[in-house]
Amino acid sequence: MPPRRPQQEDIESEGLDLDLLQSQSSNSDESAAFEKALLQHYAATKEKKRQEKEKKFVEQASILLKKDICKTTQDIQTTSQSIEKVYAEFLNNYATSEDRIHHLWAAVLKEHQTLQMAIKKKYEVGETMASDADKQHISGLSRMKAACQEYDTIIALMVPQVGDDLDGMDQD
C-alpha cells in the first residue's frame, strides 16, 4: 500500500480562511459575489481533489486486494492439489494393502482346507485302525478263552479228580 502523506491543510485552518474572507468588509456586491464564487470554486476543487484521492486509494486498495486474493487462491489450489495427490497415493497404497491381505487370507483359507482334509483322513484312518484293533482284541480274547477252556479240559483229563481217587481206592 502506498504511504499516505499527511494533509497539508487543516480543516480548522480552512474554516479560519473562510471566516477571514467573510470578515473582511467589502462594499460591493460584486466583490461579495466574486468571493462567494471563489469560495465555491475553492471548495469544489478541494472536494474534487478529495474524491480523486479517495478514488485513487480505492483503486490501489482494490489492486492490492486482488493480488492478495489471487495469491491466496493460488495457495489454496496448490494445497488442494497436494492434498488430492497425497489422498490418491493413500488410496493406491490402501488398495494394494487390501489386495495383499485378501490374497494372504485366501492362501490361509486354502491351507486350512488342505489341513482340514488331511486331519479328516487321518481321523478316518485312525477310526478304522481302532475298529480293526478292537475286533482283533475281541477275537484274541475269545481265542484265549477257548484255549483256556481246552487247557482246563486237558488238565482235567490228565489229572484224576481228588474225590475220584479216593473212591477208587476204597474199592480195591
N, C-alpha and C. Protein backbone atom coordinates (compact mmCIF):
# COMPACT_ATOMS: atom_id res chain seq x y z
N MET A 1 0.84 -1.15 0.00
CA MET A 1 0.00 0.00 0.00
C MET A 1 0.90 1.23 0.00
N PRO A 2 0.58 2.24 -0.80
CA PRO A 2 1.44 3.42 -0.86
C PRO A 2 1.37 4.20 0.45
N PRO A 3 2.47 4.82 0.82
CA PRO A 3 2.47 5.59 2.06
C PRO A 3 1.54 6.80 1.93
N ARG A 4 0.88 7.08 3.00
CA ARG A 4 -0.03 8.23 2.99
C ARG A 4 0.71 9.46 3.47
N ARG A 5 0.51 10.53 2.76
CA ARG A 5 1.13 11.78 3.17
C ARG A 5 0.20 12.52 4.12
N PRO A 6 0.75 13.18 5.08
CA PRO A 6 -0.12 13.95 5.98
C PRO A 6 -0.78 15.10 5.20
N GLN A 7 -1.97 15.43 5.63
CA GLN A 7 -2.69 16.51 4.95
C GLN A 7 -1.95 17.83 5.15
N GLN A 8 -1.93 18.59 4.10
CA GLN A 8 -1.20 19.85 4.12
C GLN A 8 -1.97 20.93 4.89
N GLU A 9 -3.26 20.90 4.73
CA GLU A 9 -4.05 21.95 5.37
C GLU A 9 -4.99 21.32 6.38
N ASP A 10 -5.17 22.01 7.44
CA ASP A 10 -6.07 21.58 8.48
C ASP A 10 -7.48 22.03 8.17
N ILE A 11 -8.44 21.25 8.61
CA ILE A 11 -9.83 21.63 8.39
C ILE A 11 -10.14 22.91 9.16
N GLU A 12 -9.55 23.02 10.35
CA GLU A 12 -9.78 24.22 11.15
C GLU A 12 -9.22 25.46 10.46
N SER A 13 -8.07 25.29 9.81
CA SER A 13 -7.48 26.45 9.13
C SER A 13 -8.34 26.85 7.95
N GLU A 14 -9.02 25.88 7.33
CA GLU A 14 -9.93 26.21 6.23
C GLU A 14 -11.07 27.08 6.75
N GLY A 15 -11.59 26.68 7.91
CA GLY A 15 -12.67 27.47 8.49
C GLY A 15 -12.22 28.87 8.82
N LEU A 16 -10.96 29.00 9.30
CA LEU A 16 -10.43 30.33 9.60
C LEU A 16 -10.28 31.15 8.34
N ASP A 17 -9.83 30.50 7.25
CA ASP A 17 -9.68 31.22 5.99
C ASP A 17 -11.03 31.74 5.51
N LEU A 18 -12.03 30.89 5.65
CA LEU A 18 -13.36 31.31 5.21
C LEU A 18 -13.87 32.46 6.07
N ASP A 19 -13.63 32.32 7.39
CA ASP A 19 -14.06 33.39 8.28
C ASP A 19 -13.30 34.68 7.98
N LEU A 20 -12.03 34.53 7.68
CA LEU A 20 -11.21 35.70 7.39
C LEU A 20 -11.73 36.41 6.15
N LEU A 21 -12.04 35.63 5.14
CA LEU A 21 -12.55 36.23 3.91
C LEU A 21 -13.91 36.88 4.14
N GLN A 22 -14.72 36.26 4.97
CA GLN A 22 -16.03 36.83 5.22
C GLN A 22 -15.95 38.04 6.13
N SER A 23 -14.95 38.03 7.02
CA SER A 23 -14.85 39.14 7.96
C SER A 23 -14.35 40.42 7.32
N GLN A 24 -13.66 40.27 6.21
CA GLN A 24 -13.21 41.48 5.53
C GLN A 24 -14.43 42.21 4.99
N SER A 25 -14.41 43.41 5.19
CA SER A 25 -15.57 44.18 4.74
C SER A 25 -15.40 44.53 3.28
N SER A 26 -16.44 44.28 2.54
CA SER A 26 -16.41 44.67 1.14
C SER A 26 -17.70 45.42 0.86
N ASN A 27 -17.56 46.47 0.13
CA ASN A 27 -18.70 47.33 -0.10
C ASN A 27 -19.50 46.92 -1.31
N SER A 28 -18.88 46.24 -2.15
CA SER A 28 -19.63 46.00 -3.38
C SER A 28 -20.16 44.58 -3.40
N ASP A 29 -21.30 44.45 -4.04
CA ASP A 29 -21.91 43.13 -4.21
C ASP A 29 -21.08 42.28 -5.15
N GLU A 30 -20.42 42.97 -6.01
CA GLU A 30 -19.61 42.25 -6.99
C GLU A 30 -18.45 41.54 -6.32
N SER A 31 -17.82 42.22 -5.40
CA SER A 31 -16.70 41.58 -4.72
C SER A 31 -17.22 40.47 -3.81
N ALA A 32 -18.41 40.63 -3.24
CA ALA A 32 -19.00 39.59 -2.41
C ALA A 32 -19.34 38.38 -3.28
N ALA A 33 -19.90 38.64 -4.45
CA ALA A 33 -20.22 37.55 -5.36
C ALA A 33 -18.94 36.87 -5.83
N PHE A 34 -17.90 37.68 -6.07
CA PHE A 34 -16.62 37.14 -6.50
C PHE A 34 -16.02 36.26 -5.39
N GLU A 35 -16.12 36.77 -4.17
CA GLU A 35 -15.62 36.00 -3.04
C GLU A 35 -16.40 34.69 -2.89
N LYS A 36 -17.72 34.83 -3.04
CA LYS A 36 -18.56 33.65 -2.92
C LYS A 36 -18.22 32.64 -4.01
N ALA A 37 -18.05 33.12 -5.24
CA ALA A 37 -17.70 32.24 -6.36
C ALA A 37 -16.33 31.63 -6.13
N LEU A 38 -15.40 32.44 -5.63
CA LEU A 38 -14.05 31.95 -5.35
C LEU A 38 -14.09 30.86 -4.26
N LEU A 39 -14.88 31.11 -3.22
CA LEU A 39 -15.00 30.13 -2.14
C LEU A 39 -15.65 28.85 -2.65
N GLN A 40 -16.67 28.99 -3.48
CA GLN A 40 -17.33 27.81 -4.04
C GLN A 40 -16.37 27.03 -4.94
N HIS A 41 -15.62 27.79 -5.75
CA HIS A 41 -14.63 27.14 -6.63
C HIS A 41 -13.56 26.43 -5.80
N TYR A 42 -13.10 27.12 -4.75
CA TYR A 42 -12.09 26.54 -3.86
C TYR A 42 -12.63 25.27 -3.19
N ALA A 43 -13.87 25.34 -2.69
CA ALA A 43 -14.50 24.19 -2.03
C ALA A 43 -14.71 23.05 -3.04
N ALA A 44 -15.15 23.39 -4.26
CA ALA A 44 -15.37 22.37 -5.29
C ALA A 44 -14.06 21.71 -5.67
N THR A 45 -13.01 22.52 -5.83
CA THR A 45 -11.69 22.00 -6.17
C THR A 45 -11.18 21.09 -5.06
N LYS A 46 -11.36 21.55 -3.83
CA LYS A 46 -10.92 20.74 -2.69
C LYS A 46 -11.70 19.42 -2.63
N GLU A 47 -13.01 19.49 -2.86
CA GLU A 47 -13.84 18.28 -2.87
C GLU A 47 -13.43 17.35 -3.99
N LYS A 48 -13.15 17.92 -5.16
CA LYS A 48 -12.73 17.13 -6.31
C LYS A 48 -11.41 16.42 -6.02
N LYS A 49 -10.47 17.14 -5.41
CA LYS A 49 -9.18 16.55 -5.06
C LYS A 49 -9.36 15.43 -4.03
N ARG A 50 -10.25 15.67 -3.06
CA ARG A 50 -10.52 14.66 -2.04
C ARG A 50 -11.12 13.41 -2.69
N GLN A 51 -12.07 13.60 -3.60
CA GLN A 51 -12.69 12.47 -4.29
C GLN A 51 -11.68 11.73 -5.15
N GLU A 52 -10.78 12.48 -5.82
CA GLU A 52 -9.74 11.84 -6.63
C GLU A 52 -8.80 11.03 -5.76
N LYS A 53 -8.43 11.59 -4.59
CA LYS A 53 -7.56 10.87 -3.66
C LYS A 53 -8.25 9.59 -3.18
N GLU A 54 -9.53 9.71 -2.82
CA GLU A 54 -10.28 8.54 -2.36
C GLU A 54 -10.38 7.50 -3.47
N LYS A 55 -10.65 7.98 -4.69
CA LYS A 55 -10.77 7.07 -5.83
C LYS A 55 -9.44 6.35 -6.07
N LYS A 56 -8.34 7.12 -6.02
CA LYS A 56 -7.02 6.54 -6.22
C LYS A 56 -6.71 5.52 -5.11
N PHE A 57 -7.06 5.89 -3.88
CA PHE A 57 -6.84 4.99 -2.74
C PHE A 57 -7.64 3.71 -2.92
N VAL A 58 -8.91 3.84 -3.31
CA VAL A 58 -9.77 2.67 -3.51
C VAL A 58 -9.22 1.80 -4.63
N GLU A 59 -8.74 2.42 -5.71
CA GLU A 59 -8.17 1.66 -6.83
C GLU A 59 -6.93 0.90 -6.38
N GLN A 60 -6.04 1.58 -5.66
CA GLN A 60 -4.82 0.92 -5.18
C GLN A 60 -5.16 -0.20 -4.19
N ALA A 61 -6.11 0.07 -3.31
CA ALA A 61 -6.52 -0.96 -2.36
C ALA A 61 -7.15 -2.14 -3.10
N SER A 62 -7.93 -1.84 -4.13
CA SER A 62 -8.55 -2.90 -4.93
C SER A 62 -7.49 -3.74 -5.62
N ILE A 63 -6.47 -3.09 -6.18
CA ILE A 63 -5.38 -3.81 -6.85
C ILE A 63 -4.65 -4.71 -5.86
N LEU A 64 -4.31 -4.15 -4.69
CA LEU A 64 -3.62 -4.95 -3.68
C LEU A 64 -4.49 -6.10 -3.18
N LEU A 65 -5.78 -5.83 -3.00
CA LEU A 65 -6.70 -6.87 -2.56
C LEU A 65 -6.81 -7.97 -3.60
N LYS A 66 -6.89 -7.58 -4.88
CA LYS A 66 -6.96 -8.57 -5.95
C LYS A 66 -5.70 -9.43 -5.98
N LYS A 67 -4.52 -8.77 -5.78
CA LYS A 67 -3.27 -9.52 -5.75
C LYS A 67 -3.27 -10.52 -4.59
N ASP A 68 -3.70 -10.04 -3.42
CA ASP A 68 -3.75 -10.93 -2.25
C ASP A 68 -4.73 -12.07 -2.47
N ILE A 69 -5.88 -11.76 -3.04
CA ILE A 69 -6.88 -12.80 -3.30
C ILE A 69 -6.34 -13.79 -4.32
N CYS A 70 -5.68 -13.29 -5.35
CA CYS A 70 -5.11 -14.17 -6.38
C CYS A 70 -4.05 -15.08 -5.77
N LYS A 71 -3.19 -14.50 -4.93
CA LYS A 71 -2.14 -15.29 -4.29
C LYS A 71 -2.76 -16.34 -3.37
N THR A 72 -3.77 -15.94 -2.61
CA THR A 72 -4.44 -16.87 -1.71
C THR A 72 -5.13 -17.98 -2.50
N THR A 73 -5.76 -17.60 -3.61
CA THR A 73 -6.42 -18.59 -4.46
C THR A 73 -5.40 -19.60 -5.00
N GLN A 74 -4.25 -19.09 -5.43
CA GLN A 74 -3.21 -19.99 -5.93
C GLN A 74 -2.70 -20.90 -4.81
N ASP A 75 -2.53 -20.34 -3.62
CA ASP A 75 -2.10 -21.16 -2.48
C ASP A 75 -3.12 -22.26 -2.18
N ILE A 76 -4.38 -21.89 -2.21
CA ILE A 76 -5.44 -22.87 -1.94
C ILE A 76 -5.44 -23.95 -3.02
N GLN A 77 -5.30 -23.55 -4.27
CA GLN A 77 -5.28 -24.53 -5.36
C GLN A 77 -4.08 -25.46 -5.23
N THR A 78 -2.92 -24.89 -4.92
CA THR A 78 -1.72 -25.70 -4.75
C THR A 78 -1.90 -26.68 -3.59
N THR A 79 -2.44 -26.18 -2.50
CA THR A 79 -2.66 -27.02 -1.33
C THR A 79 -3.67 -28.12 -1.63
N SER A 80 -4.76 -27.77 -2.31
CA SER A 80 -5.77 -28.79 -2.62
C SER A 80 -5.21 -29.83 -3.59
N GLN A 81 -4.37 -29.41 -4.52
CA GLN A 81 -3.74 -30.37 -5.43
C GLN A 81 -2.81 -31.30 -4.66
N SER A 82 -2.07 -30.73 -3.71
CA SER A 82 -1.18 -31.56 -2.88
C SER A 82 -2.00 -32.56 -2.06
N ILE A 83 -3.10 -32.09 -1.51
CA ILE A 83 -3.96 -32.97 -0.71
C ILE A 83 -4.52 -34.07 -1.59
N GLU A 84 -4.98 -33.72 -2.78
CA GLU A 84 -5.53 -34.73 -3.69
C GLU A 84 -4.47 -35.75 -4.09
N LYS A 85 -3.23 -35.28 -4.30
CA LYS A 85 -2.15 -36.19 -4.67
C LYS A 85 -1.86 -37.16 -3.52
N VAL A 86 -1.75 -36.62 -2.32
CA VAL A 86 -1.48 -37.47 -1.15
C VAL A 86 -2.62 -38.45 -0.93
N TYR A 87 -3.86 -37.98 -1.11
CA TYR A 87 -5.02 -38.85 -0.93
C TYR A 87 -5.04 -39.96 -1.98
N ALA A 88 -4.70 -39.61 -3.23
CA ALA A 88 -4.65 -40.62 -4.29
C ALA A 88 -3.58 -41.67 -3.98
N GLU A 89 -2.41 -41.22 -3.52
CA GLU A 89 -1.35 -42.16 -3.13
C GLU A 89 -1.82 -43.06 -1.99
N PHE A 90 -2.51 -42.44 -1.01
CA PHE A 90 -3.03 -43.22 0.11
C PHE A 90 -4.01 -44.28 -0.39
N LEU A 91 -4.93 -43.88 -1.27
CA LEU A 91 -5.91 -44.84 -1.79
C LEU A 91 -5.23 -45.98 -2.54
N ASN A 92 -4.22 -45.65 -3.35
CA ASN A 92 -3.49 -46.70 -4.08
C ASN A 92 -2.79 -47.65 -3.11
N ASN A 93 -2.11 -47.08 -2.13
CA ASN A 93 -1.41 -47.91 -1.14
C ASN A 93 -2.40 -48.75 -0.34
N TYR A 94 -3.52 -48.15 0.02
CA TYR A 94 -4.54 -48.87 0.78
C TYR A 94 -5.12 -50.02 -0.05
N ALA A 95 -5.41 -49.75 -1.32
CA ALA A 95 -5.96 -50.79 -2.20
C ALA A 95 -4.95 -51.92 -2.38
N THR A 96 -3.67 -51.56 -2.54
CA THR A 96 -2.63 -52.57 -2.68
C THR A 96 -2.54 -53.42 -1.41
N SER A 97 -2.57 -52.76 -0.26
CA SER A 97 -2.51 -53.49 1.01
C SER A 97 -3.72 -54.40 1.18
N GLU A 98 -4.89 -53.90 0.83
CA GLU A 98 -6.10 -54.71 0.93
C GLU A 98 -6.02 -55.93 0.00
N ASP A 99 -5.49 -55.73 -1.21
CA ASP A 99 -5.32 -56.86 -2.13
C ASP A 99 -4.37 -57.91 -1.55
N ARG A 100 -3.24 -57.43 -0.99
CA ARG A 100 -2.29 -58.35 -0.38
C ARG A 100 -2.93 -59.11 0.78
N ILE A 101 -3.67 -58.39 1.60
CA ILE A 101 -4.35 -59.03 2.74
C ILE A 101 -5.35 -60.06 2.24
N HIS A 102 -6.09 -59.71 1.19
CA HIS A 102 -7.08 -60.65 0.63
C HIS A 102 -6.39 -61.91 0.12
N HIS A 103 -5.28 -61.73 -0.60
CA HIS A 103 -4.55 -62.90 -1.12
C HIS A 103 -3.99 -63.75 0.03
N LEU A 104 -3.50 -63.10 1.08
CA LEU A 104 -2.99 -63.85 2.23
C LEU A 104 -4.11 -64.64 2.90
N TRP A 105 -5.26 -64.01 3.07
CA TRP A 105 -6.38 -64.72 3.69
C TRP A 105 -6.86 -65.87 2.80
N ALA A 106 -6.83 -65.66 1.48
CA ALA A 106 -7.21 -66.74 0.56
C ALA A 106 -6.23 -67.90 0.70
N ALA A 107 -4.93 -67.60 0.82
CA ALA A 107 -3.92 -68.65 1.00
C ALA A 107 -4.12 -69.36 2.34
N VAL A 108 -4.43 -68.59 3.37
CA VAL A 108 -4.68 -69.18 4.69
C VAL A 108 -5.90 -70.10 4.62
N LEU A 109 -6.95 -69.66 3.95
CA LEU A 109 -8.16 -70.49 3.81
C LEU A 109 -7.86 -71.77 3.05
N LYS A 110 -7.09 -71.65 1.97
CA LYS A 110 -6.74 -72.84 1.18
C LYS A 110 -5.92 -73.81 2.03
N GLU A 111 -4.95 -73.30 2.75
CA GLU A 111 -4.12 -74.14 3.62
C GLU A 111 -4.97 -74.77 4.73
N HIS A 112 -5.90 -73.99 5.26
CA HIS A 112 -6.80 -74.51 6.29
C HIS A 112 -7.64 -75.66 5.75
N GLN A 113 -8.17 -75.49 4.55
CA GLN A 113 -8.97 -76.55 3.94
C GLN A 113 -8.12 -77.80 3.68
N THR A 114 -6.89 -77.59 3.21
CA THR A 114 -5.98 -78.72 2.97
C THR A 114 -5.70 -79.46 4.27
N LEU A 115 -5.38 -78.70 5.32
CA LEU A 115 -5.11 -79.32 6.61
C LEU A 115 -6.35 -80.00 7.17
N GLN A 116 -7.50 -79.40 6.97
CA GLN A 116 -8.74 -79.98 7.45
C GLN A 116 -9.01 -81.32 6.77
N MET A 117 -8.77 -81.39 5.47
CA MET A 117 -8.96 -82.65 4.74
C MET A 117 -7.96 -83.70 5.23
N ALA A 118 -6.70 -83.29 5.44
CA ALA A 118 -5.67 -84.23 5.91
C ALA A 118 -6.03 -84.75 7.30
N ILE A 119 -6.49 -83.85 8.16
CA ILE A 119 -6.88 -84.26 9.51
C ILE A 119 -8.08 -85.20 9.46
N LYS A 120 -9.03 -84.92 8.59
CA LYS A 120 -10.21 -85.77 8.44
C LYS A 120 -9.80 -87.17 7.98
N LYS A 121 -8.88 -87.22 6.99
CA LYS A 121 -8.40 -88.53 6.50
C LYS A 121 -7.69 -89.28 7.62
N LYS A 122 -6.81 -88.57 8.36
CA LYS A 122 -6.08 -89.20 9.46
C LYS A 122 -7.07 -89.71 10.51
N TYR A 123 -8.09 -88.94 10.79
CA TYR A 123 -9.08 -89.34 11.78
C TYR A 123 -9.82 -90.60 11.31
N GLU A 124 -10.22 -90.60 10.03
CA GLU A 124 -10.92 -91.77 9.49
C GLU A 124 -10.03 -93.00 9.52
N VAL A 125 -8.75 -92.85 9.14
CA VAL A 125 -7.80 -93.97 9.19
C VAL A 125 -7.63 -94.42 10.63
N GLY A 126 -7.54 -93.48 11.55
CA GLY A 126 -7.42 -93.83 12.97
C GLY A 126 -8.65 -94.56 13.48
N GLU A 127 -9.82 -94.11 13.07
CA GLU A 127 -11.06 -94.79 13.47
C GLU A 127 -11.09 -96.22 12.92
N THR A 128 -10.71 -96.37 11.65
CA THR A 128 -10.68 -97.70 11.03
C THR A 128 -9.70 -98.61 11.76
N MET A 129 -8.51 -98.06 12.04
CA MET A 129 -7.50 -98.85 12.75
C MET A 129 -7.97 -99.21 14.15
N ALA A 130 -8.62 -98.27 14.83
CA ALA A 130 -9.12 -98.55 16.18
C ALA A 130 -10.20 -99.62 16.13
N SER A 131 -11.07 -99.53 15.13
CA SER A 131 -12.13 -100.53 14.98
C SER A 131 -11.52 -101.91 14.70
N ASP A 132 -10.53 -101.95 13.80
CA ASP A 132 -9.85 -103.22 13.50
C ASP A 132 -9.14 -103.76 14.74
N ALA A 133 -8.50 -102.87 15.49
CA ALA A 133 -7.80 -103.30 16.70
C ALA A 133 -8.79 -103.85 17.72
N ASP A 134 -9.96 -103.20 17.84
CA ASP A 134 -10.98 -103.70 18.77
C ASP A 134 -11.45 -105.09 18.34
N LYS A 135 -11.68 -105.26 17.04
CA LYS A 135 -12.13 -106.56 16.54
C LYS A 135 -11.08 -107.63 16.79
N GLN A 136 -9.80 -107.30 16.52
CA GLN A 136 -8.72 -108.26 16.74
C GLN A 136 -8.57 -108.56 18.23
N HIS A 137 -8.77 -107.55 19.06
CA HIS A 137 -8.67 -107.75 20.51
C HIS A 137 -9.77 -108.68 20.99
N ILE A 138 -10.98 -108.44 20.50
CA ILE A 138 -12.10 -109.31 20.88
C ILE A 138 -11.86 -110.74 20.37
N SER A 139 -11.38 -110.85 19.14
CA SER A 139 -11.07 -112.17 18.57
C SER A 139 -9.98 -112.85 19.38
N GLY A 140 -8.96 -112.10 19.74
CA GLY A 140 -7.87 -112.66 20.54
C GLY A 140 -8.36 -113.10 21.90
N LEU A 141 -9.23 -112.31 22.53
CA LEU A 141 -9.77 -112.67 23.84
C LEU A 141 -10.63 -113.94 23.74
N SER A 142 -11.43 -114.02 22.67
CA SER A 142 -12.28 -115.22 22.53
C SER A 142 -11.41 -116.45 22.26
N ARG A 143 -10.33 -116.34 21.51
CA ARG A 143 -9.42 -117.47 21.28
C ARG A 143 -8.73 -117.87 22.58
N MET A 144 -8.36 -116.84 23.34
CA MET A 144 -7.70 -117.13 24.61
C MET A 144 -8.66 -117.86 25.56
N LYS A 145 -9.91 -117.43 25.56
CA LYS A 145 -10.89 -118.08 26.41
C LYS A 145 -11.06 -119.55 25.98
N ALA A 146 -11.14 -119.73 24.65
CA ALA A 146 -11.28 -121.10 24.14
C ALA A 146 -10.04 -121.93 24.49
N ALA A 147 -8.86 -121.32 24.38
CA ALA A 147 -7.62 -122.03 24.72
C ALA A 147 -7.59 -122.37 26.20
N CYS A 148 -8.05 -121.44 27.02
CA CYS A 148 -8.07 -121.70 28.46
C CYS A 148 -9.04 -122.83 28.78
N GLN A 149 -10.17 -122.83 28.13
CA GLN A 149 -11.14 -123.91 28.36
C GLN A 149 -10.58 -125.26 27.89
N GLU A 150 -9.90 -125.31 26.76
CA GLU A 150 -9.28 -126.55 26.28
C GLU A 150 -8.19 -127.00 27.24
N TYR A 151 -7.42 -126.05 27.75
CA TYR A 151 -6.36 -126.36 28.71
C TYR A 151 -6.98 -126.99 29.95
N ASP A 152 -8.04 -126.36 30.44
CA ASP A 152 -8.70 -126.91 31.63
C ASP A 152 -9.23 -128.32 31.36
N THR A 153 -9.74 -128.54 30.18
CA THR A 153 -10.27 -129.85 29.81
C THR A 153 -9.14 -130.87 29.75
N ILE A 154 -8.04 -130.52 29.14
CA ILE A 154 -6.89 -131.42 29.03
C ILE A 154 -6.34 -131.72 30.42
N ILE A 155 -6.22 -130.74 31.24
CA ILE A 155 -5.71 -130.93 32.60
C ILE A 155 -6.67 -131.83 33.36
N ALA A 156 -7.91 -131.62 33.16
CA ALA A 156 -8.91 -132.43 33.88
C ALA A 156 -8.83 -133.88 33.43
N LEU A 157 -8.53 -134.12 32.20
CA LEU A 157 -8.40 -135.49 31.71
C LEU A 157 -7.11 -136.13 32.21
N MET A 158 -6.09 -135.41 32.31
CA MET A 158 -4.80 -135.95 32.69
C MET A 158 -4.68 -136.14 34.20
N VAL A 159 -5.22 -135.36 34.95
CA VAL A 159 -5.10 -135.45 36.40
C VAL A 159 -6.46 -135.95 36.92
N PRO A 160 -6.42 -137.05 37.65
CA PRO A 160 -7.69 -137.51 38.19
C PRO A 160 -8.19 -136.59 39.29
N GLN A 161 -9.42 -136.58 39.45
CA GLN A 161 -10.06 -135.74 40.46
C GLN A 161 -9.71 -136.28 41.84
N VAL A 162 -9.61 -135.46 42.76
CA VAL A 162 -9.23 -135.83 44.11
C VAL A 162 -10.33 -136.72 44.70
N GLY A 163 -11.50 -136.40 44.50
CA GLY A 163 -12.60 -137.21 45.03
C GLY A 163 -12.72 -138.53 44.30
N ASP A 164 -12.35 -138.58 43.06
CA ASP A 164 -12.43 -139.81 42.26
C ASP A 164 -11.35 -140.79 42.72
N ASP A 165 -10.20 -140.28 43.09
CA ASP A 165 -9.11 -141.15 43.52
C ASP A 165 -9.47 -141.87 44.83
N LEU A 166 -10.12 -141.21 45.70
CA LEU A 166 -10.49 -141.81 46.96
C LEU A 166 -11.54 -142.90 46.75
N ASP A 167 -12.39 -142.63 45.87
CA ASP A 167 -13.44 -143.61 45.60
C ASP A 167 -12.82 -144.88 45.00
N GLY A 168 -11.86 -144.70 44.17
CA GLY A 168 -11.24 -145.85 43.52
C GLY A 168 -10.36 -146.62 44.48
N MET A 169 -9.90 -146.08 45.46
CA MET A 169 -9.04 -146.73 46.41
C MET A 169 -9.84 -147.58 47.38
N ASP A 170 -10.96 -147.13 47.63
CA ASP A 170 -11.78 -147.88 48.55
C ASP A 170 -12.20 -149.20 47.92
N GLN A 171 -12.27 -149.20 46.70
CA GLN A 171 -12.74 -150.39 46.02
C GLN A 171 -11.64 -151.44 45.97
N ASP A 172 -10.60 -151.25 46.07
CA ASP A 172 -9.54 -152.23 46.00
C ASP A 172 -9.54 -153.07 47.17
